[in-house]
Amino acid sequence: MDGVTLEDLQKEIDRLRSELAAFHSKNHEALRMYKELKELEVYQAEMVKLQKHIEKQGKKLIVIFEGRDAAGKGSLIGTVSRYMNPKHYRIVALGKPTQEQKTQWYFQKYIEYFPSAGQVILFDRSWYNRAMVEPVFDFCTRKEYDIFMNDVTGFERSLSRQGIVLIKLYLSVKKSVQATRFEQRRTDPLRKWKLSEVDLQSQGLWDEFSKMKYQMLKKTNHLYAPWHVIRSNDKHQARIEAMKLILNHFDYEQRNESLSFAYNEKIVISAEKELEMMQHAKPELYSAS
């Protein structure tokens, strides 16, 4: 072609190759997302069946979602509840206590949201704020922390005797993954609202949070409401395993027997095993615990 050099042709070829690679990348990502949505939907359909069972049988369910900032609590709750009937479930995410609440019995503000017969309550953080966040940031006194740690097991046993099923999930995320998610929040205008001053400090306080997590799992894991640790570095797998765990607490009607409800043991970890792994990984951090 007149006026077109080999260099021009090479640049055009490189441009086309780049566009083709971008197209394949976007197509691959779209296919991955579609596949993941389909994998989630079969368990979300089971969650709908479970909700109907709870409503029909007049059962009461509380699921609490704990974990470090950016562990994926909010997105997991959204996945669990996406197709459920909003008339019979509630998501509870409480803010800072009011001056009046500060004068009340600590559990009082949570009890207000407890389920009636046929209801499901999903706590995005819970009374376990007092076991981790509050002591790390000095939002409570040592005495208040000690009282909570001594009382919480008895409180939860009482809930069980009252017929409330309590499922405690702790989402565990690596420090590097948390840092990546914080950076995504910082640079993404749609996620920026999630980034708080507490978030920005939490990376520097990683070991302090780890110590409090260790104590929480050690002292508040009990028969009536054991802790279930879920590795959430891969959000998709964490969502599937969390739904399996919730579903396996009930013998509900029309369970899809073609599905696997067996846990991935690399993702769902018992409190006892998590404590053992933490102690083995950093004995110097937990030696005095």
C-alpha atoms as a PDB file:
ATOM      1  CA  MET A   1       0.000   0.000   0.000  1.00  0.00           C
ATOM      2  CA  ASP A   2       1.223   3.465  -0.882  1.00  0.00           C
ATOM      3  CA  GLY A   3       2.752   5.310   2.037  1.00  0.00           C
ATOM      4  CA  VAL A   4       2.388   2.354   4.431  1.00  0.00           C
ATOM      5  CA  THR A   5       5.629   1.064   5.898  1.00  0.00           C
ATOM      6  CA  LEU A   6       6.396  -2.300   7.465  1.00  0.00           C
ATOM      7  CA  GLU A   7       6.590  -0.518  10.782  1.00  0.00           C
ATOM      8  CA  ASP A   8       3.028   0.784  10.313  1.00  0.00           C
ATOM      9  CA  LEU A   9       1.795  -2.698   9.473  1.00  0.00           C
ATOM     10  CA  GLN A  10       3.492  -4.153  12.547  1.00  0.00           C
ATOM     11  CA  LYS A  11       1.882  -1.531  14.754  1.00  0.00           C
ATOM     12  CA  GLU A  12      -1.529  -2.343  13.272  1.00  0.00           C
ATOM     13  CA  ILE A  13      -0.953  -6.059  13.813  1.00  0.00           C
ATOM     14  CA  ASP A  14       0.084  -5.421  17.425  1.00  0.00           C
ATOM     15  CA  ARG A  15      -3.030  -3.299  17.966  1.00  0.00           C
ATOM     16  CA  LEU A  16      -5.299  -6.007  16.580  1.00  0.00           C
ATOM     17  CA  ARG A  17      -3.593  -8.645  18.697  1.00  0.00           C
ATOM     18  CA  SER A  18      -4.055  -6.501  21.782  1.00  0.00           C
ATOM     19  CA  GLU A  19      -7.749  -5.988  21.053  1.00  0.00           C
ATOM     20  CA  LEU A  20      -8.211  -9.707  20.405  1.00  0.00           C
ATOM     21  CA  ALA A  21      -6.503 -10.578  23.710  1.00  0.00           C
ATOM     22  CA  ALA A  22      -8.708  -8.101  25.546  1.00  0.00           C
ATOM     23  CA  PHE A  23     -11.794  -9.597  23.900  1.00  0.00           C
ATOM     24  CA  HIS A  24     -10.792 -13.121  24.923  1.00  0.00           C
ATOM     25  CA  SER A  25     -10.022 -11.941  28.444  1.00  0.00           C
ATOM     26  CA  LYS A  26     -13.427 -10.267  28.830  1.00  0.00           C
ATOM     27  CA  ASN A  27     -15.166 -13.262  27.328  1.00  0.00           C
ATOM     28  CA  HIS A  28     -13.333 -15.618  29.685  1.00  0.00           C
ATOM     29  CA  GLU A  29     -14.247 -13.458  32.688  1.00  0.00           C
ATOM     30  CA  ALA A  30     -17.900 -13.337  31.608  1.00  0.00           C
ATOM     31  CA  LEU A  31     -17.979 -17.129  31.259  1.00  0.00           C
ATOM     32  CA  ARG A  32     -16.342 -17.561  34.667  1.00  0.00           C
ATOM     33  CA  MET A  33     -18.900 -15.281  36.315  1.00  0.00           C
ATOM     34  CA  TYR A  34     -21.791 -17.070  34.598  1.00  0.00           C
ATOM     35  CA  LYS A  35     -20.460 -20.455  35.726  1.00  0.00           C
ATOM     36  CA  GLU A  36     -20.082 -19.241  39.309  1.00  0.00           C
ATOM     37  CA  LEU A  37     -23.603 -17.788  39.370  1.00  0.00           C
ATOM     38  CA  LYS A  38     -25.019 -21.114  38.196  1.00  0.00           C
ATOM     39  CA  GLU A  39     -23.019 -22.977  40.852  1.00  0.00           C
ATOM     40  CA  LEU A  40     -24.397 -20.652  43.539  1.00  0.00           C
ATOM     41  CA  GLU A  41     -27.994 -20.785  42.336  1.00  0.00           C
ATOM     42  CA  VAL A  42     -28.471 -24.485  43.066  1.00  0.00           C
ATOM     43  CA  TYR A  43     -27.583 -23.904  46.727  1.00  0.00           C
ATOM     44  CA  GLN A  44     -29.551 -20.656  46.847  1.00  0.00           C
ATOM     45  CA  ALA A  45     -32.573 -22.702  45.733  1.00  0.00           C
ATOM     46  CA  GLU A  46     -31.932 -24.975  48.723  1.00  0.00           C
ATOM     47  CA  MET A  47     -31.839 -21.893  50.975  1.00  0.00           C
ATOM     48  CA  VAL A  48     -35.341 -21.027  49.747  1.00  0.00           C
ATOM     49  CA  LYS A  49     -36.514 -24.543  50.646  1.00  0.00           C
ATOM     50  CA  LEU A  50     -34.898 -24.188  54.059  1.00  0.00           C
ATOM     51  CA  GLN A  51     -36.635 -20.876  54.671  1.00  0.00           C
ATOM     52  CA  LYS A  52     -39.996 -22.452  53.815  1.00  0.00           C
ATOM     53  CA  HIS A  53     -39.229 -25.298  56.238  1.00  0.00           C
ATOM     54  CA  ILE A  54     -38.368 -22.847  59.022  1.00  0.00           C
ATOM     55  CA  GLU A  55     -41.558 -20.898  58.371  1.00  0.00           C
ATOM     56  CA  LYS A  56     -43.723 -24.034  58.198  1.00  0.00           C
ATOM     57  CA  GLN A  57     -42.241 -25.608  61.328  1.00  0.00           C
ATOM     58  CA  GLY A  58     -42.125 -22.363  63.310  1.00  0.00           C
ATOM     59  CA  LYS A  59     -38.390 -22.637  63.869  1.00  0.00           C
ATOM     60  CA  LYS A  60     -36.100 -19.726  64.729  1.00  0.00           C
ATOM     61  CA  LEU A  61     -32.672 -19.271  63.169  1.00  0.00           C
ATOM     62  CA  ILE A  62     -29.875 -16.800  63.859  1.00  0.00           C
ATOM     63  CA  VAL A  63     -26.720 -16.825  61.732  1.00  0.00           C
ATOM     64  CA  ILE A  64     -23.916 -14.520  62.783  1.00  0.00           C
ATOM     65  CA  PHE A  65     -21.194 -13.536  60.319  1.00  0.00           C
ATOM     66  CA  GLU A  66     -17.941 -12.490  61.937  1.00  0.00           C
ATOM     67  CA  GLY A  67     -14.468 -11.859  60.564  1.00  0.00           C
ATOM     68  CA  ARG A  68     -11.939  -9.162  59.836  1.00  0.00           C
ATOM     69  CA  ASP A  69     -12.807  -6.185  57.670  1.00  0.00           C
ATOM     70  CA  ALA A  70     -12.964  -7.134  53.969  1.00  0.00           C
ATOM     71  CA  ALA A  71     -13.361 -10.834  54.792  1.00  0.00           C
ATOM     72  CA  GLY A  72     -16.525 -10.917  52.664  1.00  0.00           C
ATOM     73  CA  LYS A  73     -19.270 -10.885  55.300  1.00  0.00           C
ATOM     74  CA  GLY A  74     -21.613  -8.536  53.453  1.00  0.00           C
ATOM     75  CA  SER A  75     -21.345 -10.246  50.086  1.00  0.00           C
ATOM     76  CA  LEU A  76     -21.836 -13.648  51.709  1.00  0.00           C
ATOM     77  CA  ILE A  77     -24.990 -12.456  53.475  1.00  0.00           C
ATOM     78  CA  GLY A  78     -26.242 -11.104  50.149  1.00  0.00           C
ATOM     79  CA  THR A  79     -25.640 -14.469  48.502  1.00  0.00           C
ATOM     80  CA  VAL A  80     -27.345 -16.431  51.279  1.00  0.00           C
ATOM     81  CA  SER A  81     -30.439 -14.221  51.308  1.00  0.00           C
ATOM     82  CA  ARG A  82     -30.715 -13.297  47.624  1.00  0.00           C
ATOM     83  CA  TYR A  83     -33.790 -15.379  46.777  1.00  0.00           C
ATOM     84  CA  MET A  84     -35.296 -15.690  50.241  1.00  0.00           C
ATOM     85  CA  ASN A  85     -38.689 -14.209  51.089  1.00  0.00           C
ATOM     86  CA  PRO A  86     -37.954 -10.793  52.673  1.00  0.00           C
ATOM     87  CA  LYS A  87     -41.078 -11.098  54.838  1.00  0.00           C
ATOM     88  CA  HIS A  88     -39.433 -13.840  56.858  1.00  0.00           C
ATOM     89  CA  TYR A  89     -35.795 -12.829  57.168  1.00  0.00           C
ATOM     90  CA  ARG A  90     -33.911  -9.764  58.312  1.00  0.00           C
ATOM     91  CA  ILE A  91     -30.329  -8.585  57.947  1.00  0.00           C
ATOM     92  CA  VAL A  92     -29.088  -6.800  61.059  1.00  0.00           C
ATOM     93  CA  ALA A  93     -25.986  -4.589  60.942  1.00  0.00           C
ATOM     94  CA  LEU A  94     -25.905  -2.361  64.004  1.00  0.00           C
ATOM     95  CA  GLY A  95     -23.917   0.864  64.142  1.00  0.00           C
ATOM     96  CA  LYS A  96     -22.225   2.510  67.089  1.00  0.00           C
ATOM     97  CA  PRO A  97     -24.210   2.195  70.326  1.00  0.00           C
ATOM     98  CA  THR A  98     -26.232   5.201  71.398  1.00  0.00           C
ATOM     99  CA  GLN A  99     -25.647   6.858  74.758  1.00  0.00           C
ATOM    100  CA  GLU A 100     -28.739   5.071  76.063  1.00  0.00           C
ATOM    101  CA  GLN A 101     -27.530   1.690  74.785  1.00  0.00           C
ATOM    102  CA  LYS A 102     -24.200   2.211  76.534  1.00  0.00           C
ATOM    103  CA  THR A 103     -26.068   2.206  79.851  1.00  0.00           C
ATOM    104  CA  GLN A 104     -27.987  -1.007  79.055  1.00  0.00           C
ATOM    105  CA  TRP A 105     -27.119  -4.675  79.462  1.00  0.00           C
ATOM    106  CA  TYR A 106     -24.711  -5.350  76.603  1.00  0.00           C
ATOM    107  CA  PHE A 107     -26.867  -7.990  74.862  1.00  0.00           C
ATOM    108  CA  GLN A 108     -30.023  -5.870  75.079  1.00  0.00           C
ATOM    109  CA  LYS A 109     -29.633  -4.077  71.747  1.00  0.00           C
ATOM    110  CA  TYR A 110     -29.202  -7.397  69.939  1.00  0.00           C
ATOM    111  CA  ILE A 111     -32.152  -9.165  71.574  1.00  0.00           C
ATOM    112  CA  GLU A 112     -34.466  -6.556  70.068  1.00  0.00           C
ATOM    113  CA  TYR A 113     -33.814  -8.149  66.643  1.00  0.00           C
ATOM    114  CA  PHE A 114     -34.125 -11.813  67.629  1.00  0.00           C
ATOM    115  CA  PRO A 115     -36.441 -14.014  65.557  1.00  0.00           C
ATOM    116  CA  SER A 116     -40.030 -14.911  66.177  1.00  0.00           C
ATOM    117  CA  ALA A 117     -41.273 -18.328  65.047  1.00  0.00           C
ATOM    118  CA  GLY A 118     -40.633 -18.872  61.341  1.00  0.00           C
ATOM    119  CA  GLN A 119     -37.980 -16.169  61.013  1.00  0.00           C
ATOM    120  CA  VAL A 120     -34.328 -16.072  59.963  1.00  0.00           C
ATOM    121  CA  ILE A 121     -32.032 -13.327  61.301  1.00  0.00           C
ATOM    122  CA  LEU A 122     -28.637 -12.688  59.695  1.00  0.00           C
ATOM    123  CA  PHE A 123     -26.244 -10.622  61.817  1.00  0.00           C
ATOM    124  CA  ASP A 124     -23.559  -8.720  59.888  1.00  0.00           C
ATOM    125  CA  ARG A 125     -21.290  -8.646  62.938  1.00  0.00           C
ATOM    126  CA  SER A 126     -22.863  -9.405  66.274  1.00  0.00           C
ATOM    127  CA  TRP A 127     -22.333  -9.313  70.019  1.00  0.00           C
ATOM    128  CA  TYR A 128     -18.849 -10.632  69.245  1.00  0.00           C
ATOM    129  CA  ASN A 129     -17.823  -7.060  68.483  1.00  0.00           C
ATOM    130  CA  ARG A 130     -16.932  -7.081  72.173  1.00  0.00           C
ATOM    131  CA  ALA A 131     -14.600 -10.034  71.679  1.00  0.00           C
ATOM    132  CA  MET A 132     -12.489  -8.488  68.887  1.00  0.00           C
ATOM    133  CA  VAL A 133     -13.112  -4.987  67.535  1.00  0.00           C
ATOM    134  CA  GLU A 134     -13.966  -3.233  70.792  1.00  0.00           C
ATOM    135  CA  PRO A 135     -10.957  -4.376  72.843  1.00  0.00           C
ATOM    136  CA  VAL A 136      -8.491  -3.791  69.999  1.00  0.00           C
ATOM    137  CA  PHE A 137      -9.644  -0.192  69.570  1.00  0.00           C
ATOM    138  CA  ASP A 138     -10.312   0.422  73.285  1.00  0.00           C
ATOM    139  CA  PHE A 139     -14.048   0.826  72.682  1.00  0.00           C
ATOM    140  CA  CYS A 140     -14.670  -1.163  75.869  1.00  0.00           C
ATOM    141  CA  THR A 141     -12.874  -1.556  79.180  1.00  0.00           C
ATOM    142  CA  ARG A 142     -10.982  -4.659  80.233  1.00  0.00           C
ATOM    143  CA  LYS A 143     -13.692  -5.313  82.821  1.00  0.00           C
ATOM    144  CA  GLU A 144     -16.437  -5.111  80.172  1.00  0.00           C
ATOM    145  CA  TYR A 145     -14.487  -7.494  77.949  1.00  0.00           C
ATOM    146  CA  ASP A 146     -13.958  -9.991  80.776  1.00  0.00           C
ATOM    147  CA  ILE A 147     -17.634  -9.913  81.744  1.00  0.00           C
ATOM    148  CA  PHE A 148     -18.630 -10.589  78.141  1.00  0.00           C
ATOM    149  CA  MET A 149     -16.212 -13.485  77.737  1.00  0.00           C
ATOM    150  CA  ASN A 150     -17.484 -15.041  80.965  1.00  0.00           C
ATOM    151  CA  ASP A 151     -21.179 -14.552  80.154  1.00  0.00           C
ATOM    152  CA  VAL A 152     -21.545 -15.190  76.423  1.00  0.00           C
ATOM    153  CA  THR A 153     -21.507 -18.998  76.544  1.00  0.00           C
ATOM    154  CA  GLY A 154     -24.289 -19.075  79.132  1.00  0.00           C
ATOM    155  CA  PHE A 155     -26.234 -16.537  77.094  1.00  0.00           C
ATOM    156  CA  GLU A 156     -26.003 -18.701  73.975  1.00  0.00           C
ATOM    157  CA  ARG A 157     -26.935 -21.846  75.882  1.00  0.00           C
ATOM    158  CA  SER A 158     -30.070 -20.044  77.011  1.00  0.00           C
ATOM    159  CA  LEU A 159     -30.910 -19.222  73.388  1.00  0.00           C
ATOM    160  CA  SER A 160     -30.611 -22.910  72.519  1.00  0.00           C
ATOM    161  CA  ARG A 161     -32.926 -23.882  75.386  1.00  0.00           C
ATOM    162  CA  GLN A 162     -35.427 -21.335  74.059  1.00  0.00           C
ATOM    163  CA  GLY A 163     -35.453 -23.121  70.701  1.00  0.00           C
ATOM    164  CA  ILE A 164     -33.254 -20.726  68.725  1.00  0.00           C
ATOM    165  CA  VAL A 165     -30.780 -22.333  66.328  1.00  0.00           C
ATOM    166  CA  LEU A 166     -27.580 -20.255  66.438  1.00  0.00           C
ATOM    167  CA  ILE A 167     -24.945 -20.709  63.727  1.00  0.00           C
ATOM    168  CA  LYS A 168     -21.658 -18.867  64.224  1.00  0.00           C
ATOM    169  CA  LEU A 169     -19.488 -18.284  61.139  1.00  0.00           C
ATOM    170  CA  TYR A 170     -16.045 -16.702  61.239  1.00  0.00           C
ATOM    171  CA  LEU A 171     -14.684 -15.693  57.827  1.00  0.00           C
ATOM    172  CA  SER A 172     -10.905 -15.992  57.771  1.00  0.00           C
ATOM    173  CA  VAL A 173      -8.886 -14.045  55.213  1.00  0.00           C
ATOM    174  CA  LYS A 174      -5.144 -13.701  54.597  1.00  0.00           C
ATOM    175  CA  LYS A 175      -3.446 -10.401  55.370  1.00  0.00           C
ATOM    176  CA  SER A 176      -2.348  -9.983  51.725  1.00  0.00           C
ATOM    177  CA  VAL A 177      -5.892 -10.625  50.465  1.00  0.00           C
ATOM    178  CA  GLN A 178      -7.302  -8.097  52.916  1.00  0.00           C
ATOM    179  CA  ALA A 179      -4.768  -5.511  51.701  1.00  0.00           C
ATOM    180  CA  THR A 180      -5.779  -6.163  48.073  1.00  0.00           C
ATOM    181  CA  ARG A 181      -9.467  -5.740  48.894  1.00  0.00           C
ATOM    182  CA  PHE A 182      -8.788  -2.519  50.781  1.00  0.00           C
ATOM    183  CA  GLU A 183      -6.966  -1.183  47.720  1.00  0.00           C
ATOM    184  CA  GLN A 184      -9.936  -2.135  45.535  1.00  0.00           C
ATOM    185  CA  ARG A 185     -12.197  -0.189  47.868  1.00  0.00           C
ATOM    186  CA  ARG A 186      -9.875   2.810  47.767  1.00  0.00           C
ATOM    187  CA  THR A 187      -9.748   2.981  43.965  1.00  0.00           C
ATOM    188  CA  ASP A 188     -13.274   1.864  43.050  1.00  0.00           C
ATOM    189  CA  PRO A 189     -15.851   4.682  43.376  1.00  0.00           C
ATOM    190  CA  LEU A 190     -18.606   2.069  43.804  1.00  0.00           C
ATOM    191  CA  ARG A 191     -16.832   0.479  46.782  1.00  0.00           C
ATOM    192  CA  LYS A 192     -15.130   3.511  48.288  1.00  0.00           C
ATOM    193  CA  TRP A 193     -17.930   4.017  50.832  1.00  0.00           C
ATOM    194  CA  LYS A 194     -16.908   0.702  52.445  1.00  0.00           C
ATOM    195  CA  LEU A 195     -13.449   1.985  53.367  1.00  0.00           C
ATOM    196  CA  SER A 196     -13.342   3.431  56.893  1.00  0.00           C
ATOM    197  CA  GLU A 197     -10.661   4.721  59.223  1.00  0.00           C
ATOM    198  CA  VAL A 198     -10.934   1.462  61.157  1.00  0.00           C
ATOM    199  CA  ASP A 199     -10.209  -0.430  57.922  1.00  0.00           C
ATOM    200  CA  LEU A 200      -7.082   1.603  57.318  1.00  0.00           C
ATOM    201  CA  GLN A 201      -5.781   0.796  60.806  1.00  0.00           C
ATOM    202  CA  SER A 202      -6.603  -2.909  60.776  1.00  0.00           C
ATOM    203  CA  GLN A 203      -3.619  -3.981  58.657  1.00  0.00           C
ATOM    204  CA  GLY A 204      -1.254  -2.439  61.183  1.00  0.00           C
ATOM    205  CA  LEU A 205      -3.154  -4.150  64.009  1.00  0.00           C
ATOM    206  CA  TRP A 206      -3.174  -7.567  62.355  1.00  0.00           C
ATOM    207  CA  ASP A 207      -1.451  -9.380  65.236  1.00  0.00           C
ATOM    208  CA  GLU A 208      -3.665  -7.707  67.841  1.00  0.00           C
ATOM    209  CA  PHE A 209      -6.775  -8.913  65.999  1.00  0.00           C
ATOM    210  CA  SER A 210      -5.223 -12.386  65.677  1.00  0.00           C
ATOM    211  CA  LYS A 211      -4.723 -12.601  69.441  1.00  0.00           C
ATOM    212  CA  MET A 212      -8.322 -11.600  70.099  1.00  0.00           C
ATOM    213  CA  LYS A 213      -9.546 -14.089  67.495  1.00  0.00           C
ATOM    214  CA  TYR A 214      -7.559 -16.830  69.219  1.00  0.00           C
ATOM    215  CA  GLN A 215      -9.081 -16.007  72.600  1.00  0.00           C
ATOM    216  CA  MET A 216     -12.582 -15.766  71.132  1.00  0.00           C
ATOM    217  CA  LEU A 217     -12.403 -19.171  69.451  1.00  0.00           C
ATOM    218  CA  LYS A 218     -10.783 -20.745  72.503  1.00  0.00           C
ATOM    219  CA  LYS A 219     -13.224 -19.448  75.116  1.00  0.00           C
ATOM    220  CA  THR A 220     -16.554 -19.136  73.277  1.00  0.00           C
ATOM    221  CA  ASN A 221     -16.621 -22.335  71.227  1.00  0.00           C
ATOM    222  CA  HIS A 222     -19.148 -24.667  72.848  1.00  0.00           C
ATOM    223  CA  LEU A 223     -21.502 -27.529  72.117  1.00  0.00           C
ATOM    224  CA  TYR A 224     -24.648 -25.396  71.815  1.00  0.00           C
ATOM    225  CA  ALA A 225     -23.089 -22.971  69.305  1.00  0.00           C
ATOM    226  CA  PRO A 226     -19.678 -24.011  67.970  1.00  0.00           C
ATOM    227  CA  TRP A 227     -17.606 -21.748  65.759  1.00  0.00           C
ATOM    228  CA  HIS A 228     -17.229 -22.633  62.087  1.00  0.00           C
ATOM    229  CA  VAL A 229     -14.206 -20.991  60.452  1.00  0.00           C
ATOM    230  CA  ILE A 230     -14.539 -20.452  56.694  1.00  0.00           C
ATOM    231  CA  ARG A 231     -11.536 -19.582  54.546  1.00  0.00           C
ATOM    232  CA  SER A 232     -12.741 -16.660  52.454  1.00  0.00           C
ATOM    233  CA  ASN A 233      -9.719 -15.842  50.312  1.00  0.00           C
ATOM    234  CA  ASP A 234     -11.784 -17.283  47.445  1.00  0.00           C
ATOM    235  CA  LYS A 235     -15.175 -15.624  47.936  1.00  0.00           C
ATOM    236  CA  HIS A 236     -16.986 -17.935  45.542  1.00  0.00           C
ATOM    237  CA  GLN A 237     -15.926 -21.125  47.312  1.00  0.00           C
ATOM    238  CA  ALA A 238     -16.587 -19.542  50.704  1.00  0.00           C
ATOM    239  CA  ARG A 239     -20.168 -18.740  49.655  1.00  0.00           C
ATOM    240  CA  ILE A 240     -20.872 -22.290  48.545  1.00  0.00           C
ATOM    241  CA  GLU A 241     -19.375 -23.839  51.681  1.00  0.00           C
ATOM    242  CA  ALA A 242     -21.210 -21.412  53.973  1.00  0.00           C
ATOM    243  CA  MET A 243     -24.543 -22.301  52.398  1.00  0.00           C
ATOM    244  CA  LYS A 244     -23.785 -26.018  52.730  1.00  0.00           C
ATOM    245  CA  LEU A 245     -23.003 -25.500  56.395  1.00  0.00           C
ATOM    246  CA  ILE A 246     -26.250 -23.647  57.101  1.00  0.00           C
ATOM    247  CA  LEU A 247     -28.307 -26.170  55.131  1.00  0.00           C
ATOM    248  CA  ASN A 248     -26.756 -29.104  56.972  1.00  0.00           C
ATOM    249  CA  HIS A 249     -28.135 -27.833  60.293  1.00  0.00           C
ATOM    250  CA  PHE A 250     -31.658 -28.815  59.211  1.00  0.00           C
ATOM    251  CA  ASP A 251     -33.505 -31.831  57.854  1.00  0.00           C
ATOM    252  CA  TYR A 252     -35.732 -29.906  55.461  1.00  0.00           C
ATOM    253  CA  GLU A 253     -38.169 -31.129  52.842  1.00  0.00           C
ATOM    254  CA  GLN A 254     -37.311 -31.773  49.163  1.00  0.00           C
ATOM    255  CA  ARG A 255     -33.553 -31.574  49.599  1.00  0.00           C
ATOM    256  CA  ASN A 256     -31.833 -31.938  46.224  1.00  0.00           C
ATOM    257  CA  GLU A 257     -30.067 -35.262  46.691  1.00  0.00           C
ATOM    258  CA  SER A 258     -28.081 -34.793  43.475  1.00  0.00           C
ATOM    259  CA  LEU A 259     -26.081 -32.005  45.149  1.00  0.00           C
ATOM    260  CA  SER A 260     -23.022 -32.508  47.290  1.00  0.00           C
ATOM    261  CA  PHE A 261     -23.452 -31.181  50.821  1.00  0.00           C
ATOM    262  CA  ALA A 262     -20.074 -32.469  51.991  1.00  0.00           C
ATOM    263  CA  TYR A 263     -17.737 -29.739  53.205  1.00  0.00           C
ATOM    264  CA  ASN A 264     -14.472 -28.856  51.548  1.00  0.00           C
ATOM    265  CA  GLU A 265     -12.183 -29.471  54.522  1.00  0.00           C
ATOM    266  CA  LYS A 266      -9.676 -26.937  53.208  1.00  0.00           C
ATOM    267  CA  ILE A 267     -12.322 -24.206  53.475  1.00  0.00           C
ATOM    268  CA  VAL A 268     -14.537 -25.203  56.429  1.00  0.00           C
ATOM    269  CA  ILE A 269     -12.417 -25.541  59.573  1.00  0.00           C
ATOM    270  CA  SER A 270     -13.480 -26.399  63.117  1.00  0.00           C
ATOM    271  CA  ALA A 271     -12.509 -24.007  65.904  1.00  0.00           C
ATOM    272  CA  GLU A 272     -10.300 -26.693  67.466  1.00  0.00           C
ATOM    273  CA  LYS A 273      -8.371 -27.218  64.236  1.00  0.00           C
ATOM    274  CA  GLU A 274      -8.062 -23.469  63.627  1.00  0.00           C
ATOM    275  CA  LEU A 275      -6.631 -22.947  67.115  1.00  0.00           C
ATOM    276  CA  GLU A 276      -4.131 -25.731  66.539  1.00  0.00           C
ATOM    277  CA  MET A 277      -3.074 -24.260  63.193  1.00  0.00           C
ATOM    278  CA  MET A 278      -2.727 -20.760  64.628  1.00  0.00           C
ATOM    279  CA  GLN A 279      -0.611 -22.036  67.518  1.00  0.00           C
ATOM    280  CA  HIS A 280       1.595 -24.009  65.156  1.00  0.00           C
ATOM    281  CA  ALA A 281       2.071 -21.098  62.741  1.00  0.00           C
ATOM    282  CA  LYS A 282       2.970 -18.468  65.354  1.00  0.00           C
ATOM    283  CA  PRO A 283       3.617 -20.034  68.770  1.00  0.00           C
ATOM    284  CA  GLU A 284       5.270 -16.854  70.016  1.00  0.00           C
ATOM    285  CA  LEU A 285       2.052 -14.880  69.394  1.00  0.00           C
ATOM    286  CA  TYR A 286      -0.217 -17.221  71.350  1.00  0.00           C
ATOM    287  CA  SER A 287       2.186 -18.700  73.897  1.00  0.00           C
ATOM    288  CA  ALA A 288       0.644 -16.661  76.723  1.00  0.00           C
ATOM    289  CA  SER A 289      -2.932 -17.388  75.621  1.00  0.00           C
END
